[in-house]
Every structure is written in structure tokens, then in C-alpha cells.
């Protein structure tokens, strides 16, 4: 995995093998951050990264100077890797919480400027994520929700849907 922008641009992070993750490709990350950086000022943004995996998206936001990044990941080994990397990079704007994402969303009282969710593509509950996040009012008034998902999901009829972008096998749906 490579950080593609910000303070740690070009930094390679080697996660242990065998982790149950599917990191977002560099090509898709670059396209995603081009969109995000044209819509928001990252340095003024509180970010929630759901299904954080090995932290690829979290590290991108932290490297680009996000005010704060909270990564939520259930897998203990993934959380250990993120914490180890936070220490190695001496990041003070990124924290990881080992927790089930759906329980976290149900209990969280904090509001975020941007929420990124990259659930496993086969997770059936992915279709419910936007509704749950808006129902729990986790986004600030003008906040942005981005869901990475498999091609078979279509969020275009959701009332908060803004746009869809496809980069090879990676699909992003944006909500406001």
C-alpha cells in the first residue's frame, strides 16, 4: 500500500500478509481524492473511515492534514497494523477504534464532515449504510458520505444520492 498524497506522499506501508482486506487501488484513490479535494477543505475536516481495513483511506486523509480521522475496524490484526503505523509516522490526527461498524454507527454521538465506508463487497448490509448514517445524523449539515461498493449496488434512487463514479472494478457513490 502506498500513500499517494500529502505529507507522506510516496510512503509505502507493508501490511502483514493474510489480513482480510481489499485495499482501494492507487488509481481509484487518486481519482477519489481529486473529487474530494475539489469539494472540501481537508484540513478543516473531521473524517470517519468505516471498515478501515489496513488504513489506506485513513492514512490518505491524515497525510493530507485532516483535522481528525477516526478509523473503525473490527479485525484486531488490522487495528494493530494501523496503530503501529500511526506510531511510526507520529500521526496525531488519526485514531483507530476496534469495533463493529454497525454498532459504532448506532451508538456514536459525534458528527463528521466526511464519512467514507468501504465494506466488504459481499456484505449484504451495505445497501442499508446510507439510511443508517443519515438516520443517526452522523454527518454535519453539509457533510459528505462516500460508499465504496460492488458494481451490482445502485444507490441512484436514494434521496441523498449525489453522484456515482466508477474506476475499473471500484465504484463510489456520493451522498449529501
N, C-alpha and C. Protein backbone atom coordinates (compact mmCIF):
# COMPACT_ATOMS: atom_id res chain seq x y z
N UNK A 1 0.86 -1.17 0.00
CA UNK A 1 0.00 0.00 0.00
C UNK A 1 0.91 1.23 0.00
N UNK A 2 0.47 2.25 -0.72
CA UNK A 2 1.24 3.48 -0.85
C UNK A 2 0.35 4.66 -0.54
N UNK A 3 0.89 5.64 0.20
CA UNK A 3 0.19 6.90 0.42
C UNK A 3 0.48 7.76 -0.80
N UNK A 4 -0.57 8.27 -1.45
CA UNK A 4 -0.38 8.94 -2.73
C UNK A 4 -0.38 10.46 -2.66
N UNK A 5 -0.68 11.04 -1.49
CA UNK A 5 -0.70 12.49 -1.41
C UNK A 5 -0.41 13.01 -0.02
N UNK A 6 -0.10 14.30 0.05
CA UNK A 6 0.12 14.94 1.33
C UNK A 6 1.52 14.79 1.88
N UNK A 7 1.64 14.97 3.16
CA UNK A 7 2.92 14.96 3.87
C UNK A 7 3.72 13.67 3.65
N UNK A 8 3.03 12.55 3.56
CA UNK A 8 3.70 11.25 3.41
C UNK A 8 3.57 10.68 2.01
N UNK A 9 3.38 11.56 1.04
CA UNK A 9 3.24 11.13 -0.35
C UNK A 9 4.40 10.21 -0.75
N UNK A 10 4.05 9.07 -1.34
CA UNK A 10 5.05 8.11 -1.80
C UNK A 10 5.47 7.09 -0.76
N UNK A 11 5.06 7.28 0.48
CA UNK A 11 5.43 6.36 1.56
C UNK A 11 4.74 5.02 1.34
N UNK A 12 5.53 3.96 1.34
CA UNK A 12 4.99 2.60 1.20
C UNK A 12 4.82 2.00 2.58
N UNK A 13 3.66 1.37 2.78
CA UNK A 13 3.35 0.70 4.05
C UNK A 13 3.12 -0.77 3.75
N UNK A 14 3.86 -1.63 4.40
CA UNK A 14 3.77 -3.06 4.16
C UNK A 14 2.96 -3.72 5.27
N UNK A 15 1.72 -4.04 4.98
CA UNK A 15 0.86 -4.72 5.94
C UNK A 15 1.21 -6.20 5.99
N UNK A 16 1.03 -6.83 7.13
CA UNK A 16 1.26 -8.28 7.20
C UNK A 16 0.37 -9.02 6.22
N UNK A 17 0.85 -10.12 5.69
CA UNK A 17 0.04 -10.89 4.75
C UNK A 17 -1.08 -11.61 5.50
N UNK A 18 -2.11 -11.98 4.76
CA UNK A 18 -3.20 -12.77 5.32
C UNK A 18 -4.29 -11.96 5.99
N UNK A 19 -4.24 -10.64 5.91
CA UNK A 19 -5.30 -9.84 6.52
C UNK A 19 -6.53 -9.84 5.60
N UNK A 20 -7.72 -9.84 6.17
CA UNK A 20 -8.95 -9.92 5.36
C UNK A 20 -9.34 -8.56 4.78
N UNK A 21 -8.50 -8.04 3.89
CA UNK A 21 -8.77 -6.70 3.34
C UNK A 21 -8.71 -6.71 1.82
N UNK A 22 -9.27 -5.65 1.26
CA UNK A 22 -9.24 -5.41 -0.18
C UNK A 22 -8.95 -3.91 -0.34
N UNK A 23 -7.67 -3.54 -0.25
CA UNK A 23 -7.34 -2.11 -0.30
C UNK A 23 -7.80 -1.45 -1.60
N UNK A 24 -8.25 -0.22 -1.50
CA UNK A 24 -8.63 0.58 -2.65
C UNK A 24 -7.39 0.81 -3.51
N UNK A 25 -7.51 0.62 -4.80
CA UNK A 25 -6.35 0.77 -5.70
C UNK A 25 -5.86 2.22 -5.71
N UNK A 26 -4.56 2.39 -6.02
CA UNK A 26 -3.99 3.73 -6.12
C UNK A 26 -4.74 4.56 -7.16
N UNK A 27 -5.08 3.95 -8.28
CA UNK A 27 -5.81 4.64 -9.34
C UNK A 27 -7.15 5.19 -8.82
N UNK A 28 -7.90 4.35 -8.10
CA UNK A 28 -9.20 4.77 -7.57
C UNK A 28 -9.02 5.81 -6.46
N UNK A 29 -8.00 5.62 -5.60
CA UNK A 29 -7.75 6.59 -4.53
C UNK A 29 -7.41 7.96 -5.10
N UNK A 30 -6.57 7.98 -6.13
CA UNK A 30 -6.20 9.26 -6.73
C UNK A 30 -7.42 9.97 -7.31
N UNK A 31 -8.26 9.23 -8.01
CA UNK A 31 -9.49 9.81 -8.56
C UNK A 31 -10.42 10.30 -7.45
N UNK A 32 -10.56 9.48 -6.41
CA UNK A 32 -11.42 9.85 -5.27
C UNK A 32 -10.95 11.15 -4.63
N UNK A 33 -9.65 11.24 -4.36
CA UNK A 33 -9.15 12.44 -3.68
C UNK A 33 -9.16 13.67 -4.59
N UNK A 34 -9.09 13.49 -5.89
CA UNK A 34 -9.27 14.64 -6.78
C UNK A 34 -10.68 15.20 -6.62
N UNK A 35 -11.67 14.33 -6.51
CA UNK A 35 -13.06 14.78 -6.32
C UNK A 35 -13.21 15.43 -4.96
N UNK A 36 -12.75 14.75 -3.92
CA UNK A 36 -12.92 15.24 -2.55
C UNK A 36 -12.24 16.59 -2.37
N UNK A 37 -11.00 16.72 -2.84
CA UNK A 37 -10.27 17.97 -2.64
C UNK A 37 -10.89 19.15 -3.40
N UNK A 38 -11.70 18.87 -4.42
CA UNK A 38 -12.40 19.94 -5.12
C UNK A 38 -13.71 20.32 -4.43
N UNK A 39 -14.15 19.52 -3.45
CA UNK A 39 -15.41 19.80 -2.77
C UNK A 39 -15.24 20.30 -1.35
N UNK A 40 -14.17 19.88 -0.68
CA UNK A 40 -14.00 20.26 0.72
C UNK A 40 -12.55 20.66 0.99
N UNK A 41 -12.37 21.38 2.09
CA UNK A 41 -11.03 21.71 2.57
C UNK A 41 -10.67 20.64 3.60
N UNK A 42 -9.82 19.71 3.20
CA UNK A 42 -9.50 18.56 4.04
C UNK A 42 -8.94 18.98 5.40
N UNK A 43 -8.15 20.04 5.44
CA UNK A 43 -7.53 20.44 6.71
C UNK A 43 -8.54 20.92 7.75
N UNK A 44 -9.76 21.15 7.34
CA UNK A 44 -10.82 21.58 8.26
C UNK A 44 -11.86 20.47 8.47
N UNK A 45 -11.48 19.24 8.17
CA UNK A 45 -12.44 18.15 8.10
C UNK A 45 -12.22 17.09 9.17
N UNK A 46 -13.31 16.71 9.84
CA UNK A 46 -13.33 15.54 10.73
C UNK A 46 -13.86 14.38 9.90
N UNK A 47 -13.03 13.33 9.77
CA UNK A 47 -13.33 12.21 8.89
C UNK A 47 -13.61 10.95 9.71
N UNK A 48 -14.60 10.19 9.27
CA UNK A 48 -14.88 8.86 9.82
C UNK A 48 -14.68 7.86 8.69
N UNK A 49 -13.78 6.91 8.92
CA UNK A 49 -13.49 5.86 7.94
C UNK A 49 -14.05 4.55 8.48
N UNK A 50 -15.16 4.11 7.90
CA UNK A 50 -15.81 2.88 8.34
C UNK A 50 -15.28 1.70 7.54
N UNK A 51 -15.07 0.58 8.21
CA UNK A 51 -14.43 -0.60 7.62
C UNK A 51 -13.01 -0.20 7.19
N UNK A 52 -12.25 0.31 8.13
CA UNK A 52 -10.94 0.90 7.88
C UNK A 52 -9.92 -0.03 7.27
N UNK A 53 -10.09 -1.34 7.43
CA UNK A 53 -9.13 -2.28 6.86
C UNK A 53 -7.73 -2.03 7.39
N UNK A 54 -6.76 -1.87 6.49
CA UNK A 54 -5.39 -1.59 6.91
C UNK A 54 -5.09 -0.09 6.90
N UNK A 55 -6.13 0.71 6.73
CA UNK A 55 -5.99 2.15 6.91
C UNK A 55 -5.65 2.98 5.69
N UNK A 56 -5.72 2.40 4.50
CA UNK A 56 -5.33 3.14 3.30
C UNK A 56 -5.99 4.49 3.16
N UNK A 57 -7.29 4.55 3.30
CA UNK A 57 -8.02 5.81 3.17
C UNK A 57 -7.75 6.71 4.38
N UNK A 58 -7.71 6.13 5.56
CA UNK A 58 -7.42 6.91 6.77
C UNK A 58 -6.07 7.59 6.68
N UNK A 59 -5.05 6.84 6.23
CA UNK A 59 -3.71 7.42 6.11
C UNK A 59 -3.67 8.52 5.05
N UNK A 60 -4.45 8.37 3.99
CA UNK A 60 -4.52 9.42 2.97
C UNK A 60 -5.06 10.72 3.57
N UNK A 61 -6.16 10.61 4.30
CA UNK A 61 -6.74 11.82 4.91
C UNK A 61 -5.79 12.41 5.95
N UNK A 62 -5.19 11.57 6.77
CA UNK A 62 -4.25 12.05 7.80
C UNK A 62 -3.04 12.71 7.14
N UNK A 63 -2.49 12.10 6.10
CA UNK A 63 -1.34 12.65 5.39
C UNK A 63 -1.65 14.00 4.76
N UNK A 64 -2.90 14.18 4.35
CA UNK A 64 -3.31 15.44 3.72
C UNK A 64 -3.76 16.48 4.73
N UNK A 65 -3.57 16.18 6.03
CA UNK A 65 -3.80 17.16 7.08
C UNK A 65 -5.21 17.29 7.60
N UNK A 66 -6.02 16.24 7.48
CA UNK A 66 -7.37 16.29 8.03
C UNK A 66 -7.30 16.68 9.51
N UNK A 67 -8.29 17.43 9.96
CA UNK A 67 -8.33 17.84 11.36
C UNK A 67 -8.30 16.61 12.27
N UNK A 68 -9.15 15.64 11.95
CA UNK A 68 -9.13 14.37 12.69
C UNK A 68 -9.65 13.27 11.77
N UNK A 69 -9.14 12.06 12.00
CA UNK A 69 -9.58 10.88 11.26
C UNK A 69 -9.82 9.79 12.29
N UNK A 70 -11.02 9.25 12.28
CA UNK A 70 -11.37 8.11 13.13
C UNK A 70 -11.61 6.92 12.22
N UNK A 71 -10.81 5.89 12.40
CA UNK A 71 -10.95 4.67 11.60
C UNK A 71 -11.61 3.60 12.47
N UNK A 72 -12.66 3.00 11.96
CA UNK A 72 -13.37 1.94 12.68
C UNK A 72 -13.18 0.64 11.93
N UNK A 73 -12.62 -0.34 12.62
CA UNK A 73 -12.32 -1.64 12.02
C UNK A 73 -12.49 -2.71 13.08
N UNK A 74 -13.12 -3.80 12.72
CA UNK A 74 -13.40 -4.89 13.66
C UNK A 74 -12.22 -5.83 13.85
N UNK A 75 -11.39 -6.02 12.83
CA UNK A 75 -10.33 -7.01 12.88
C UNK A 75 -9.15 -6.53 13.73
N UNK A 76 -8.79 -7.31 14.74
CA UNK A 76 -7.73 -6.96 15.67
C UNK A 76 -6.38 -6.77 14.98
N UNK A 77 -6.03 -7.65 14.04
CA UNK A 77 -4.73 -7.54 13.36
C UNK A 77 -4.67 -6.27 12.50
N UNK A 78 -5.77 -5.93 11.87
CA UNK A 78 -5.80 -4.69 11.09
C UNK A 78 -5.62 -3.48 12.01
N UNK A 79 -6.30 -3.48 13.13
CA UNK A 79 -6.18 -2.37 14.09
C UNK A 79 -4.76 -2.26 14.62
N UNK A 80 -4.13 -3.38 14.89
CA UNK A 80 -2.73 -3.36 15.37
C UNK A 80 -1.83 -2.74 14.30
N UNK A 81 -2.04 -3.11 13.04
CA UNK A 81 -1.23 -2.54 11.96
C UNK A 81 -1.44 -1.03 11.87
N UNK A 82 -2.68 -0.58 11.92
CA UNK A 82 -2.95 0.86 11.85
C UNK A 82 -2.28 1.57 13.03
N UNK A 83 -2.44 1.04 14.24
CA UNK A 83 -1.81 1.67 15.41
C UNK A 83 -0.29 1.70 15.30
N UNK A 84 0.30 0.63 14.82
CA UNK A 84 1.75 0.57 14.63
C UNK A 84 2.19 1.66 13.64
N UNK A 85 1.44 1.80 12.56
CA UNK A 85 1.79 2.80 11.54
C UNK A 85 1.57 4.22 12.06
N UNK A 86 0.54 4.42 12.85
CA UNK A 86 0.32 5.74 13.48
C UNK A 86 1.54 6.13 14.29
N UNK A 87 2.06 5.18 15.08
CA UNK A 87 3.26 5.45 15.89
C UNK A 87 4.48 5.71 15.01
N UNK A 88 4.67 4.89 13.98
CA UNK A 88 5.83 5.05 13.09
C UNK A 88 5.82 6.40 12.38
N UNK A 89 4.65 6.85 11.97
CA UNK A 89 4.54 8.13 11.26
C UNK A 89 4.35 9.31 12.21
N UNK A 90 4.18 9.02 13.49
CA UNK A 90 3.96 10.05 14.51
C UNK A 90 2.75 10.92 14.16
N UNK A 91 1.65 10.26 13.82
CA UNK A 91 0.42 10.96 13.47
C UNK A 91 -0.37 11.29 14.72
N UNK A 92 -0.81 12.53 14.83
CA UNK A 92 -1.64 12.90 15.98
C UNK A 92 -3.09 13.20 15.57
N UNK A 93 -3.39 13.04 14.29
CA UNK A 93 -4.75 13.33 13.81
C UNK A 93 -5.51 12.06 13.38
N UNK A 94 -4.97 10.89 13.70
CA UNK A 94 -5.61 9.62 13.32
C UNK A 94 -5.70 8.70 14.52
N UNK A 95 -6.88 8.14 14.72
CA UNK A 95 -7.07 7.13 15.77
C UNK A 95 -7.88 5.99 15.19
N UNK A 96 -7.69 4.81 15.76
CA UNK A 96 -8.42 3.64 15.29
C UNK A 96 -9.22 3.08 16.45
N UNK A 97 -10.44 2.65 16.15
CA UNK A 97 -11.32 2.03 17.12
C UNK A 97 -11.66 0.64 16.63
N UNK A 98 -11.37 -0.36 17.47
CA UNK A 98 -11.72 -1.74 17.12
C UNK A 98 -13.16 -1.96 17.56
N UNK A 99 -14.05 -2.03 16.57
CA UNK A 99 -15.48 -2.12 16.88
C UNK A 99 -16.23 -2.56 15.64
N UNK A 100 -17.37 -3.16 15.82
CA UNK A 100 -18.27 -3.47 14.72
C UNK A 100 -18.83 -2.16 14.18
N UNK A 101 -18.74 -1.95 12.90
CA UNK A 101 -19.16 -0.69 12.29
C UNK A 101 -20.63 -0.38 12.56
N UNK A 102 -21.50 -1.35 12.43
CA UNK A 102 -22.93 -1.08 12.61
C UNK A 102 -23.25 -0.70 14.06
N UNK A 103 -22.57 -1.31 15.01
CA UNK A 103 -22.75 -0.93 16.42
C UNK A 103 -22.18 0.46 16.67
N UNK A 104 -21.04 0.75 16.06
CA UNK A 104 -20.44 2.08 16.22
C UNK A 104 -21.39 3.16 15.70
N UNK A 105 -21.91 2.96 14.50
CA UNK A 105 -22.83 3.93 13.91
C UNK A 105 -24.07 4.10 14.79
N UNK A 106 -24.58 3.01 15.32
CA UNK A 106 -25.78 3.08 16.16
C UNK A 106 -25.54 3.85 17.46
N UNK A 107 -24.31 3.81 17.99
CA UNK A 107 -24.03 4.42 19.29
C UNK A 107 -23.33 5.77 19.23
N UNK A 108 -22.69 6.10 18.12
CA UNK A 108 -21.89 7.32 18.06
C UNK A 108 -22.75 8.57 18.19
N UNK A 109 -22.22 9.54 18.91
CA UNK A 109 -22.90 10.83 19.08
C UNK A 109 -22.17 11.94 18.33
N UNK A 110 -20.96 11.65 17.85
CA UNK A 110 -20.16 12.65 17.15
C UNK A 110 -20.64 12.82 15.72
N UNK A 111 -20.54 14.06 15.23
CA UNK A 111 -20.88 14.35 13.83
C UNK A 111 -19.58 14.55 13.07
N UNK A 112 -19.57 14.12 11.83
CA UNK A 112 -18.39 14.19 10.98
C UNK A 112 -18.68 15.01 9.73
N UNK A 113 -17.62 15.59 9.18
CA UNK A 113 -17.75 16.35 7.94
C UNK A 113 -17.76 15.43 6.74
N UNK A 114 -17.03 14.31 6.86
CA UNK A 114 -16.94 13.36 5.77
C UNK A 114 -16.91 11.95 6.36
N UNK A 115 -17.73 11.08 5.80
CA UNK A 115 -17.72 9.67 6.18
C UNK A 115 -17.43 8.86 4.93
N UNK A 116 -16.42 8.00 5.05
CA UNK A 116 -16.07 7.09 3.97
C UNK A 116 -16.33 5.68 4.47
N UNK A 117 -17.04 4.87 3.68
CA UNK A 117 -17.33 3.49 4.06
C UNK A 117 -16.90 2.57 2.92
N UNK A 118 -16.07 1.60 3.27
CA UNK A 118 -15.59 0.62 2.29
C UNK A 118 -15.83 -0.78 2.84
N UNK A 119 -17.10 -1.19 2.90
CA UNK A 119 -17.41 -2.53 3.43
C UNK A 119 -16.97 -3.63 2.48
N UNK A 120 -16.84 -4.84 3.00
CA UNK A 120 -16.58 -5.97 2.09
C UNK A 120 -17.66 -5.99 0.99
N UNK A 121 -17.25 -6.21 -0.25
CA UNK A 121 -18.20 -6.14 -1.36
C UNK A 121 -19.35 -7.13 -1.20
N UNK A 122 -19.13 -8.25 -0.55
CA UNK A 122 -20.19 -9.25 -0.41
C UNK A 122 -21.13 -8.98 0.78
N UNK A 123 -20.87 -7.94 1.56
CA UNK A 123 -21.69 -7.64 2.74
C UNK A 123 -23.08 -7.16 2.31
N UNK A 124 -24.09 -7.93 2.67
CA UNK A 124 -25.47 -7.62 2.27
C UNK A 124 -25.97 -6.30 2.88
N UNK A 125 -25.50 -5.96 4.07
CA UNK A 125 -25.97 -4.75 4.77
C UNK A 125 -25.45 -3.44 4.16
N UNK A 126 -24.58 -3.53 3.18
CA UNK A 126 -24.03 -2.32 2.57
C UNK A 126 -25.15 -1.42 2.07
N UNK A 127 -26.18 -1.99 1.51
CA UNK A 127 -27.29 -1.20 0.96
C UNK A 127 -27.99 -0.36 2.03
N UNK A 128 -27.88 -0.76 3.29
CA UNK A 128 -28.55 -0.03 4.38
C UNK A 128 -27.69 1.07 4.98
N UNK A 129 -26.42 1.11 4.66
CA UNK A 129 -25.50 2.07 5.29
C UNK A 129 -25.92 3.53 5.14
N UNK A 130 -26.21 4.01 3.94
CA UNK A 130 -26.60 5.42 3.85
C UNK A 130 -27.80 5.77 4.74
N UNK A 131 -28.84 4.94 4.72
CA UNK A 131 -30.00 5.21 5.56
C UNK A 131 -29.63 5.26 7.03
N UNK A 132 -28.83 4.31 7.47
CA UNK A 132 -28.43 4.25 8.87
C UNK A 132 -27.62 5.49 9.27
N UNK A 133 -26.69 5.89 8.44
CA UNK A 133 -25.86 7.05 8.74
C UNK A 133 -26.69 8.33 8.79
N UNK A 134 -27.62 8.50 7.85
CA UNK A 134 -28.46 9.69 7.86
C UNK A 134 -29.48 9.64 9.01
N UNK A 135 -30.00 8.47 9.29
CA UNK A 135 -30.93 8.31 10.40
C UNK A 135 -30.28 8.67 11.73
N UNK A 136 -29.03 8.28 11.92
CA UNK A 136 -28.30 8.55 13.17
C UNK A 136 -27.66 9.94 13.17
N UNK A 137 -27.85 10.69 12.08
CA UNK A 137 -27.37 12.07 11.96
C UNK A 137 -25.88 12.19 12.27
N UNK A 138 -25.07 11.32 11.66
CA UNK A 138 -23.63 11.35 11.90
C UNK A 138 -22.90 12.37 11.03
N UNK A 139 -23.57 12.89 10.01
CA UNK A 139 -22.95 13.88 9.13
C UNK A 139 -23.33 15.29 9.57
N UNK A 140 -22.35 16.19 9.46
CA UNK A 140 -22.64 17.61 9.65
C UNK A 140 -23.62 18.04 8.56
N UNK A 141 -24.20 19.21 8.73
CA UNK A 141 -25.22 19.74 7.81
C UNK A 141 -24.82 19.60 6.33
N UNK A 142 -23.63 20.02 5.98
CA UNK A 142 -23.17 19.95 4.58
C UNK A 142 -22.18 18.80 4.38
N UNK A 143 -22.27 17.78 5.23
CA UNK A 143 -21.33 16.67 5.19
C UNK A 143 -21.46 15.81 3.94
N UNK A 144 -20.43 15.02 3.71
CA UNK A 144 -20.35 14.16 2.54
C UNK A 144 -20.15 12.72 2.97
N UNK A 145 -20.96 11.83 2.44
CA UNK A 145 -20.83 10.39 2.65
C UNK A 145 -20.40 9.76 1.33
N UNK A 146 -19.37 8.93 1.40
CA UNK A 146 -18.89 8.21 0.22
C UNK A 146 -18.88 6.73 0.56
N UNK A 147 -19.54 5.93 -0.27
CA UNK A 147 -19.58 4.49 -0.07
C UNK A 147 -18.90 3.83 -1.26
N UNK A 148 -17.88 3.03 -0.96
CA UNK A 148 -17.24 2.21 -1.99
C UNK A 148 -17.99 0.89 -2.02
N UNK A 149 -18.33 0.41 -3.22
CA UNK A 149 -19.19 -0.77 -3.29
C UNK A 149 -19.00 -1.54 -4.59
N UNK A 150 -19.58 -2.71 -4.62
CA UNK A 150 -19.55 -3.56 -5.81
C UNK A 150 -20.47 -2.95 -6.88
N UNK A 151 -20.22 -3.32 -8.12
CA UNK A 151 -20.99 -2.78 -9.25
C UNK A 151 -22.47 -3.11 -9.18
N UNK A 152 -22.81 -4.22 -8.54
CA UNK A 152 -24.22 -4.64 -8.51
C UNK A 152 -25.11 -3.73 -7.66
N UNK A 153 -24.53 -2.92 -6.79
CA UNK A 153 -25.33 -2.00 -5.98
C UNK A 153 -25.58 -0.70 -6.74
N UNK A 154 -26.81 -0.23 -6.68
CA UNK A 154 -27.18 1.02 -7.33
C UNK A 154 -27.90 1.89 -6.32
N UNK A 155 -27.27 3.00 -5.94
CA UNK A 155 -27.85 3.90 -4.95
C UNK A 155 -28.53 5.11 -5.59
N UNK A 156 -28.64 5.13 -6.91
CA UNK A 156 -29.11 6.33 -7.60
C UNK A 156 -30.52 6.79 -7.22
N UNK A 157 -31.33 5.91 -6.65
CA UNK A 157 -32.69 6.30 -6.24
C UNK A 157 -32.75 6.77 -4.79
N UNK A 158 -31.63 6.75 -4.09
CA UNK A 158 -31.61 7.21 -2.70
C UNK A 158 -31.80 8.72 -2.68
N UNK A 159 -32.64 9.24 -1.77
CA UNK A 159 -32.93 10.67 -1.76
C UNK A 159 -31.72 11.57 -1.50
N UNK A 160 -30.67 11.05 -0.89
CA UNK A 160 -29.47 11.86 -0.60
C UNK A 160 -28.34 11.59 -1.59
N UNK A 161 -28.59 10.75 -2.58
CA UNK A 161 -27.58 10.41 -3.59
C UNK A 161 -27.23 11.63 -4.43
N UNK A 162 -25.92 11.81 -4.69
CA UNK A 162 -25.45 12.95 -5.48
C UNK A 162 -24.83 12.48 -6.79
N UNK A 163 -23.91 11.51 -6.70
CA UNK A 163 -23.24 11.04 -7.92
C UNK A 163 -22.62 9.67 -7.72
N UNK A 164 -22.32 9.04 -8.84
CA UNK A 164 -21.66 7.74 -8.85
C UNK A 164 -20.44 7.86 -9.75
N UNK A 165 -19.33 7.28 -9.31
CA UNK A 165 -18.12 7.23 -10.12
C UNK A 165 -17.60 5.80 -10.13
N UNK A 166 -17.12 5.37 -11.29
CA UNK A 166 -16.60 4.01 -11.46
C UNK A 166 -15.18 4.08 -11.98
N UNK A 167 -14.29 3.35 -11.33
CA UNK A 167 -12.89 3.27 -11.73
C UNK A 167 -12.52 1.79 -11.75
N UNK A 168 -12.55 1.20 -12.94
CA UNK A 168 -12.35 -0.26 -13.10
C UNK A 168 -13.42 -0.98 -12.30
N UNK A 169 -13.02 -1.81 -11.34
CA UNK A 169 -13.99 -2.57 -10.53
C UNK A 169 -14.41 -1.81 -9.27
N UNK A 170 -13.90 -0.60 -9.09
CA UNK A 170 -14.20 0.18 -7.89
C UNK A 170 -15.31 1.18 -8.20
N UNK A 171 -16.35 1.17 -7.36
CA UNK A 171 -17.49 2.07 -7.51
C UNK A 171 -17.60 2.94 -6.26
N UNK A 172 -17.78 4.24 -6.47
CA UNK A 172 -18.01 5.17 -5.36
C UNK A 172 -19.37 5.82 -5.58
N UNK A 173 -20.20 5.81 -4.53
CA UNK A 173 -21.44 6.58 -4.54
C UNK A 173 -21.32 7.67 -3.50
N UNK A 174 -21.73 8.89 -3.88
CA UNK A 174 -21.61 10.06 -3.03
C UNK A 174 -23.01 10.50 -2.59
N UNK A 175 -23.09 10.89 -1.32
CA UNK A 175 -24.37 11.32 -0.74
C UNK A 175 -24.13 12.61 0.05
N UNK A 176 -25.15 13.49 0.06
CA UNK A 176 -25.09 14.70 0.89
C UNK A 176 -26.43 14.94 1.52
